[in-house]
Protein backbone atom coordinates (compact mmCIF):
# COMPACT_ATOMS: atom_id res chain seq x y z
CA UNK A 1 -46.56 32.89 -20.40
CA UNK A 2 -47.43 29.99 -19.26
CA UNK A 3 -43.92 28.56 -18.83
CA UNK A 4 -42.77 31.51 -16.32
CA UNK A 5 -45.72 30.69 -14.11
CA UNK A 6 -44.90 27.02 -13.88
CA UNK A 7 -41.14 28.59 -13.15
CA UNK A 8 -41.83 30.82 -10.56
CA UNK A 9 -44.34 28.07 -8.54
CA UNK A 10 -41.87 25.25 -9.03
CA UNK A 11 -38.99 27.67 -7.45
CA UNK A 12 -41.49 28.95 -4.93
CA UNK A 13 -42.26 25.65 -3.65
CA UNK A 14 -39.10 24.57 -3.28
CA UNK A 15 -37.96 27.37 -1.05
CA UNK A 16 -39.62 26.64 1.98
CA UNK A 17 -37.74 22.88 1.76
CA UNK A 18 -34.53 24.43 1.33
CA UNK A 19 -34.86 26.88 4.02
CA UNK A 20 -36.06 23.46 6.81
CA UNK A 21 -32.19 22.21 5.53
CA UNK A 22 -29.48 22.04 7.63
CA UNK A 23 -25.45 21.48 7.41
CA UNK A 24 -25.42 18.09 9.26
CA UNK A 25 -21.04 17.01 9.75
CA UNK A 26 -20.11 13.65 9.44
CA UNK A 27 -19.05 11.97 12.50
CA UNK A 28 -17.68 8.91 11.36
CA UNK A 29 -15.26 7.26 13.31
CA UNK A 30 -11.92 5.05 11.42
CA UNK A 31 -11.80 1.36 11.74
CA UNK A 32 -8.52 0.45 10.43
CA UNK A 33 -8.30 -2.81 8.65
CA UNK A 34 -5.81 -5.20 8.05
CA UNK A 35 -3.61 -4.91 4.23
CA UNK A 36 -2.30 -8.34 3.17
CA UNK A 37 0.34 -8.16 0.08
CA UNK A 38 2.77 -10.32 -1.50
CA UNK A 39 3.48 -12.78 -4.63
CA UNK A 40 5.18 -15.56 -5.70
CA UNK A 41 6.29 -16.22 -9.48
CA UNK A 42 8.75 -18.55 -10.88
CA UNK A 43 11.91 -17.93 -10.02
CA UNK A 44 13.95 -19.36 -7.19
CA UNK A 45 13.63 -16.05 -4.45
CA UNK A 46 12.79 -15.52 -1.10
CA UNK A 47 9.17 -14.55 0.13
CA UNK A 48 7.69 -10.99 1.09
CA UNK A 49 4.89 -10.55 2.10
CA UNK A 50 3.76 -6.82 3.44
CA UNK A 51 0.92 -6.47 6.45
CA UNK A 52 0.01 -3.72 7.39
CA UNK A 53 -3.08 -1.76 9.48
CA UNK A 54 -5.14 1.31 7.05
CA UNK A 55 -4.17 4.84 8.46
CA UNK A 56 -6.70 7.87 8.00
CA UNK A 57 -6.20 9.50 4.98
CA UNK A 58 -4.29 12.63 6.81
CA UNK A 59 -1.89 9.91 8.17
CA UNK A 60 1.64 9.96 6.88
CA UNK A 61 3.18 7.24 8.82
CA UNK A 62 2.94 3.68 8.24
CA UNK A 63 1.21 1.12 10.42
CA UNK A 64 3.01 -2.34 10.31
CA UNK A 65 1.76 -5.56 12.06
CA UNK A 66 4.65 -7.33 13.24
CA UNK A 67 3.44 -10.38 15.58
CA UNK A 68 2.00 -12.50 12.81
CA UNK A 69 2.69 -16.18 12.15
CA UNK A 70 2.39 -16.67 7.98
CA UNK A 71 2.07 -20.32 6.80
CA UNK A 72 2.97 -21.11 2.89
CA UNK A 73 1.13 -23.86 1.19
CA UNK A 74 1.76 -25.59 -2.04
CA UNK A 75 -0.35 -28.26 -3.46
CA UNK A 76 0.85 -30.54 -6.18
CA UNK A 77 -1.31 -32.12 -9.35
CA UNK A 78 -1.61 -34.87 -7.56
CA UNK A 79 -3.51 -33.68 -4.31
CA UNK A 80 -0.74 -33.70 -2.04
CA UNK A 81 -0.48 -30.92 0.30
CA UNK A 82 2.15 -29.41 2.33
CA UNK A 83 3.93 -26.76 3.92
CA UNK A 84 6.43 -24.79 1.86
CA UNK A 85 7.65 -22.54 4.89
CA UNK A 86 6.56 -21.11 7.77
CA UNK A 87 10.00 -19.37 8.77
CA UNK A 88 9.92 -15.33 8.50
CA UNK A 89 12.22 -12.40 9.70
CA UNK A 90 9.88 -9.22 10.02
CA UNK A 91 10.89 -5.40 10.05
CA UNK A 92 8.13 -2.63 10.03
CA UNK A 93 5.32 -4.84 8.95
CA UNK A 94 7.52 -6.62 5.99
CA UNK A 95 8.07 -10.37 6.07
CA UNK A 96 10.85 -11.70 4.32
CA UNK A 97 10.84 -16.20 4.08
CA UNK A 98 14.38 -17.03 5.70
CA UNK A 99 14.66 -19.55 2.86
CA UNK A 100 14.27 -18.68 -1.07
CA UNK A 101 11.37 -20.69 -2.65
CA UNK A 102 11.25 -22.51 -5.75
CA UNK A 103 8.19 -22.45 -7.48
CA UNK A 104 6.77 -24.96 -9.21
CA UNK A 105 4.76 -24.89 -12.39
CA UNK A 106 1.38 -26.43 -12.35
CA UNK A 107 1.53 -26.33 -8.46
CA UNK A 108 -0.77 -24.66 -6.13
CA UNK A 109 0.32 -21.90 -3.53
CA UNK A 110 -1.69 -20.66 -0.81
CA UNK A 111 -0.79 -18.18 2.40
CA UNK A 112 -2.23 -18.66 6.22
CA UNK A 113 -2.28 -15.83 7.85
CA UNK A 114 -2.88 -15.43 11.87
CA UNK A 115 -2.59 -12.54 13.94
CA UNK A 116 -1.86 -11.91 17.54
CA UNK A 117 -5.15 -11.66 18.48
CA UNK A 118 -6.15 -15.50 16.38
CA UNK A 119 -8.00 -13.77 13.09
CA UNK A 120 -6.89 -15.63 10.45
CA UNK A 121 -6.51 -14.61 6.61
CA UNK A 122 -6.26 -17.41 3.80
CA UNK A 123 -6.00 -16.39 -0.06
CA UNK A 124 -7.49 -18.39 -2.88
CA UNK A 125 -5.13 -21.37 -4.14
CA UNK A 126 -3.96 -19.91 -6.87
CA UNK A 127 -1.60 -22.50 -9.23
CA UNK A 128 2.07 -21.33 -11.05
CA UNK A 129 0.92 -20.98 -14.69
CA UNK A 130 2.98 -22.18 -17.44
CA UNK A 131 5.41 -18.98 -18.31
CA UNK A 132 4.44 -17.16 -21.58
CA UNK A 133 7.56 -16.97 -23.40
CA UNK A 134 8.31 -13.97 -25.77
CA UNK A 135 8.89 -13.87 -28.89
CA UNK A 136 10.19 -10.89 -29.85
CA UNK A 137 9.86 -7.06 -29.44
CA UNK A 138 9.81 -4.29 -31.74
CA UNK A 139 8.69 -0.83 -32.61
CA UNK A 140 5.88 -0.23 -34.81
CA UNK A 141 5.34 3.46 -35.50
CA UNK A 142 7.96 4.22 -33.13
CA UNK A 143 6.36 2.05 -30.07
CA UNK A 144 7.15 -1.15 -28.53
CA UNK A 145 5.44 -4.38 -29.01
CA UNK A 146 5.58 -7.97 -27.40
CA UNK A 147 4.40 -10.29 -29.17
CA UNK A 148 3.91 -14.37 -27.76
CA UNK A 149 1.81 -16.90 -28.36
CA UNK A 150 -0.87 -17.23 -26.67
CA UNK A 151 -2.25 -20.57 -25.74
CA UNK A 152 -5.35 -21.59 -26.65
CA UNK A 153 -8.57 -23.17 -25.36
CA UNK A 154 -7.80 -21.13 -22.20
CA UNK A 155 -8.65 -17.46 -21.14
CA UNK A 156 -5.10 -15.87 -20.64
CA UNK A 157 -4.68 -12.77 -18.66
CA UNK A 158 -1.31 -10.61 -18.70
CA UNK A 159 0.43 -7.91 -17.57
CA UNK A 160 3.19 -6.31 -19.41
CA UNK A 161 6.09 -4.18 -17.16
CA UNK A 162 7.81 -2.07 -19.74
CA UNK A 163 11.29 -0.39 -18.52
CA UNK A 164 12.81 2.42 -20.37
CA UNK A 165 16.30 2.77 -20.23
CA UNK A 166 19.03 5.18 -21.16
CA UNK A 167 22.80 5.16 -20.70
CA UNK A 168 22.28 2.39 -17.88
CA UNK A 169 19.79 4.29 -16.56
CA UNK A 170 16.06 3.94 -15.42
CA UNK A 171 13.84 6.77 -17.21
CA UNK A 172 10.52 5.36 -17.20
CA UNK A 173 8.06 2.61 -17.06
CA UNK A 174 5.03 1.64 -18.17
CA UNK A 175 2.34 -1.18 -16.95
CA UNK A 176 -0.26 -2.38 -19.21
CA UNK A 177 -3.18 -4.88 -18.56
CA UNK A 178 -4.78 -7.14 -20.95
CA UNK A 179 -6.85 -10.00 -21.38
CA UNK A 180 -6.73 -12.67 -24.93
CA UNK A 181 -10.79 -11.93 -25.91
CA UNK A 182 -9.47 -10.37 -28.91
CA UNK A 183 -6.25 -12.74 -29.87
CA UNK A 184 -7.42 -16.22 -28.17
CA UNK A 185 -4.89 -18.89 -29.49
CA UNK A 186 -3.00 -16.17 -31.82
CA UNK A 187 0.54 -17.97 -32.42
CA UNK A 188 1.66 -14.08 -32.68
CA UNK A 189 -0.25 -11.94 -30.44
CA UNK A 190 0.87 -8.59 -28.88
CA UNK A 191 0.43 -6.39 -26.58
CA UNK A 192 1.95 -2.65 -26.90
CA UNK A 193 2.19 0.13 -25.38
CA UNK A 194 1.90 4.13 -26.41
CA UNK A 195 5.20 5.13 -24.68
CA UNK A 196 8.86 5.04 -25.76
CA UNK A 197 12.00 6.12 -25.35
CA UNK A 198 15.92 5.53 -24.35
CA UNK A 199 18.50 2.90 -25.77
CA UNK A 200 17.58 -0.33 -24.03
CA UNK A 201 13.84 -1.63 -23.32
CA UNK A 202 13.14 -3.96 -21.11
CA UNK A 203 10.10 -6.32 -20.97
CA UNK A 204 8.35 -8.62 -18.81
CA UNK A 205 5.21 -10.36 -19.75
CA UNK A 206 3.21 -12.42 -16.81
CA UNK A 207 0.99 -14.48 -17.05
CA UNK A 208 -1.37 -14.17 -14.55
CA UNK A 209 -4.26 -15.79 -12.83
CA UNK A 210 -7.78 -14.04 -12.85
CA UNK A 211 -7.85 -12.77 -9.29
CA UNK A 212 -4.25 -11.46 -9.74
CA UNK A 213 -5.46 -9.60 -13.05
CA UNK A 214 -8.29 -8.41 -11.34
CA UNK A 215 -6.64 -6.71 -8.56
CA UNK A 216 -3.85 -5.06 -10.80
CA UNK A 217 -6.79 -3.75 -12.74
CA UNK A 218 -8.21 -1.63 -9.82
CA UNK A 219 -5.08 -0.97 -8.77
CA UNK A 220 -4.29 1.15 -11.94
CA UNK A 221 -7.36 2.35 -11.98
CA UNK A 222 -6.74 4.36 -9.03
CA UNK A 223 -3.47 5.24 -9.66
CA UNK A 224 -4.47 6.54 -12.99
CA UNK A 225 -7.17 8.45 -11.63
CA UNK A 226 -4.35 10.05 -9.33
CA UNK A 227 -5.54 8.58 -6.09
CA UNK A 228 -2.70 9.78 -3.80
CA UNK A 229 -1.61 6.96 -1.80
CA UNK A 230 2.01 7.61 -2.22
CA UNK A 231 5.30 7.39 -5.13
CA UNK A 232 4.97 3.88 -7.09
CA UNK A 233 7.83 2.02 -5.59
CA UNK A 234 9.73 0.94 -8.68
CA UNK A 235 12.60 -0.86 -7.33
CA UNK A 236 9.73 -3.49 -6.43
CA UNK A 237 8.48 -5.06 -9.68
CA UNK A 238 4.87 -5.57 -9.71
CA UNK A 239 4.27 -3.19 -6.67
CA UNK A 240 1.85 0.03 -7.74
CA UNK A 241 1.79 1.69 -4.51
CA UNK A 242 4.23 2.44 -1.30
CA UNK A 243 1.35 2.52 1.29
CA UNK A 244 -1.81 0.49 1.09
CA UNK A 245 -4.92 1.28 -0.88
CA UNK A 246 -7.71 1.86 0.87
CA UNK A 247 -10.27 -0.60 -1.33
CA UNK A 248 -8.85 -2.65 -3.13
CA UNK A 249 -9.57 -6.68 -2.43
CA UNK A 250 -8.16 -9.16 -3.78
CA UNK A 251 -8.13 -12.63 -2.96
CA UNK A 252 -8.15 -13.02 0.86
CA UNK A 253 -10.40 -13.31 2.63
CA UNK A 254 -10.74 -13.31 6.73
CA UNK A 255 -11.81 -16.80 7.72
CA UNK A 256 -12.67 -16.01 10.97
CA UNK A 257 -15.63 -13.66 10.19
CA UNK A 258 -16.07 -15.04 6.66
CA UNK A 259 -14.99 -11.81 4.71
CA UNK A 260 -12.89 -10.76 1.77
CA UNK A 261 -10.34 -8.78 3.30
CA UNK A 262 -8.09 -5.81 1.89
CA UNK A 263 -4.91 -7.06 -0.26
CA UNK A 264 -3.63 -10.32 -1.82
CA UNK A 265 -1.52 -12.70 -2.91
CA UNK A 266 -0.35 -13.61 -6.33
CA UNK A 267 0.95 -16.59 -7.39
CA UNK A 268 1.81 -16.26 -11.79
CA UNK A 269 4.79 -17.07 -14.06
CA UNK A 270 6.73 -14.42 -16.47
CA UNK A 271 9.43 -14.23 -18.93
CA UNK A 272 11.75 -11.29 -19.94
CA UNK A 273 13.81 -9.91 -22.16
CA UNK A 274 15.86 -7.03 -23.18
CA UNK A 275 16.51 -5.05 -26.36
CA UNK A 276 18.18 -1.89 -28.08
CA UNK A 277 17.01 0.39 -30.20
């Protein structure tokens, strides 16, 4: 009886409080932010960098920035800094370097982006690591496994991109992320996926820097949680969303305000191999 009495008293104590509660609508003004995305890899290729403003969640169109200037720098192991290129063509917020760029292993790379209003962004100076070569691709219990030699005495971060083809057509693709905590220095380290299918499997093994790895982990978590940022961009390697995510902070800093900015400029190497099953 005492417990029942206690419950009744508690309920009546809350009634005056609840009766005074009033629903207050949230009136938060949307503030667009700049989102920058791009990467440099160990291939001779044109550098593509996307610069946009974020848009409200109920907006289906993009808000590209077409009047920014981009400088791509490199620093060699001796500490010599030079400008790689500042010549970009732009269309709908996508900047493409006029000339192909050769990524040099061991060099650091970064970008400096300046908007029309003078606001400047700079990415972290990240080294282009030695690519980790794929030793073999096998199937274990019906699922593909990529085997490689993990460099010892250093922490490595990997993204493995599995692409499944059937009769020459892409049927699915999977990204797996891993650090080397469990296999540091193992000459037969492996990363596998629980997806299978098709008659041809392509595997890309990327050796990431820490900031790029963190960015991809956050991006994959958002996509796995079915946050609606659009369909995966299957025609663009390593690009996860067709619209800029709203809260993915990477390795770019607004040097005008000295605050972190959205997006990232990744610098990483990769090796690739195909196998028939």
